[in-house]
Amino acid sequence: QEVLRMCAFLTDTKRETANREQLRRSAETLLRRVQSKGLKGGDQLPTEQMRLKICAGNHLFANKRFPEALAMYQGVLGEHPDCPVNVRFAIGLCFSRLQQYAFARQAMERVLSLDPD
């Protein structure tokens, strides 16, 4: 029975690893797509492209590429000041990871002022 549990565990672990790898490949594809479109601050971003840019920022953040993630999120915020509050939250997290705590605090205070819950 212990062997069966170990086999089940290994199968689940293998499946999770495959799912993570597929998610990583999808995020890399999205990041290349965003970069190939030359989306930078100052561009008018349609909603789909805004979502792609947020997703690319999430991927960069997950891979500890905080300066690039911050730039991606700030680009979204610059073009869409009314963007979802989670973009501002992500900006605060990036500043925190970059040890720029004053900016992190400012971003988080803005998050709380927009969404107190």
Foldseek 3Di string as FASTA:
>chain_A
DVVVVVVVVVVVVVVVVVVVVVVLVVLVVLLVVLVVVVQAAPDQDDPVSLVSLLSNLVSCVVVVVLVVSLRSLVSSCNNPVPPDLVSLQSNLVSCVSVVVNVSSVVSVVVSCVVPVD
